[in-house]
Amino acid sequence: MSMPSGHILVLVASIIWILFCMRFWYAIDREHTWQRRFIAIGAGIGGGLIYIIGTMMLQLLKEPPPPKEEETTEIRVSAGKAEEAKKAETKK
């Protein structure tokens, strides 16, 4: 079973985020363990959020538009007549 292209894009985006964060994780010296841990936590949480929000957006884009109502009422508004009536009242 193949994945739709939208899901593949979301998965690739989250993997790219994780790899980007891991680049900084490798750059930080081993003596700074808390910085490395925060980077690792941020990579995991950020990758997960990108995946969740991306799949939610894909679902919103897939939804069909709401059905049109059978009964439609046509309302027309014309501002010209009201303005002419006001002008006539002010002239009196």
Protein backbone atom coordinates (compact mmCIF):
# COMPACT_ATOMS: atom_id res chain seq x y z
CA MET A 1 0.00 0.00 0.00
CA SER A 2 1.52 3.32 -1.04
CA MET A 3 1.29 6.58 0.87
CA PRO A 4 -0.24 9.67 -0.74
CA SER A 5 2.24 12.37 -1.70
CA GLY A 6 0.93 14.74 0.99
CA HIS A 7 1.72 12.28 3.76
CA ILE A 8 5.17 11.69 2.32
CA LEU A 9 5.84 15.44 2.32
CA VAL A 10 4.74 15.75 5.94
CA LEU A 11 6.89 12.80 6.95
CA VAL A 12 9.91 14.21 5.08
CA ALA A 13 9.42 17.63 6.70
CA SER A 14 9.40 16.12 10.20
CA ILE A 15 12.48 14.00 9.42
CA ILE A 16 14.30 17.07 8.08
CA TRP A 17 13.50 18.93 11.33
CA ILE A 18 14.85 16.06 13.41
CA LEU A 19 18.03 15.84 11.30
CA PHE A 20 18.51 19.61 11.53
CA CYS A 21 18.28 19.46 15.32
CA MET A 22 20.58 16.46 15.49
CA ARG A 23 23.19 18.45 13.55
CA PHE A 24 23.30 20.90 16.44
CA TRP A 25 23.24 18.02 18.92
CA TYR A 26 26.46 16.66 17.39
CA ALA A 27 28.02 20.14 17.33
CA ILE A 28 27.52 20.68 21.09
CA ASP A 29 30.38 19.44 23.26
CA ARG A 30 29.71 16.31 25.34
CA GLU A 31 30.38 18.26 28.54
CA HIS A 32 27.15 20.23 28.03
CA THR A 33 24.77 17.37 28.61
CA TRP A 34 21.72 19.53 29.42
CA GLN A 35 22.04 21.47 26.19
CA ARG A 36 22.26 18.22 24.27
CA ARG A 37 19.21 16.86 26.09
CA PHE A 38 17.16 19.97 25.36
CA ILE A 39 18.11 19.81 21.71
CA ALA A 40 17.11 16.14 21.56
CA ILE A 41 13.79 16.85 23.30
CA GLY A 42 13.13 19.76 20.93
CA ALA A 43 13.90 17.54 17.96
CA GLY A 44 11.42 14.91 19.08
CA ILE A 45 8.65 17.28 20.07
CA GLY A 46 9.13 19.48 17.00
CA GLY A 47 9.16 16.51 14.62
CA GLY A 48 6.01 15.13 16.23
CA LEU A 49 4.21 18.46 16.08
CA ILE A 50 5.16 18.96 12.43
CA TYR A 51 3.75 15.53 11.64
CA ILE A 52 0.53 16.01 13.63
CA ILE A 53 -0.19 19.51 12.32
CA GLY A 54 0.71 18.44 8.78
CA THR A 55 -1.69 15.50 8.81
CA MET A 56 -4.41 17.71 10.29
CA MET A 57 -3.92 20.22 7.48
CA LEU A 58 -4.08 17.43 4.91
CA GLN A 59 -7.42 16.29 6.34
CA LEU A 60 -8.75 19.85 6.14
CA LEU A 61 -7.70 20.09 2.50
CA LYS A 62 -9.36 16.76 1.65
CA GLU A 63 -12.77 17.61 3.13
CA PRO A 64 -15.47 18.24 0.54
CA PRO A 65 -17.17 21.64 0.56
CA PRO A 66 -20.41 21.87 2.55
CA PRO A 67 -23.52 20.95 0.55
CA LYS A 68 -25.45 23.80 -1.02
CA GLU A 69 -28.86 24.54 0.41
CA GLU A 70 -31.80 23.78 -1.83
CA GLU A 71 -33.72 26.88 -0.87
CA THR A 72 -32.03 30.13 -1.82
CA THR A 73 -33.37 33.58 -1.31
CA GLU A 74 -32.18 36.43 -3.40
CA ILE A 75 -31.85 39.73 -1.61
CA ARG A 76 -30.94 42.86 -3.49
CA VAL A 77 -29.89 46.03 -1.77
CA SER A 78 -29.79 49.35 -3.54
CA ALA A 79 -28.29 52.32 -1.76
CA GLY A 80 -29.16 54.79 -4.50
CA LYS A 81 -32.85 55.23 -3.61
CA ALA A 82 -32.18 55.76 0.09
CA GLU A 83 -29.61 58.45 -0.65
CA GLU A 84 -32.04 60.22 -3.01
CA ALA A 85 -34.74 60.17 -0.30
CA LYS A 86 -32.33 61.69 2.24
CA LYS A 87 -31.35 64.41 -0.21
CA ALA A 88 -35.01 65.20 -0.87
CA GLU A 89 -35.70 65.49 2.89
CA THR A 90 -32.78 67.84 3.46
CA LYS A 91 -33.90 70.11 0.61
CA LYS A 92 -37.38 70.56 2.15
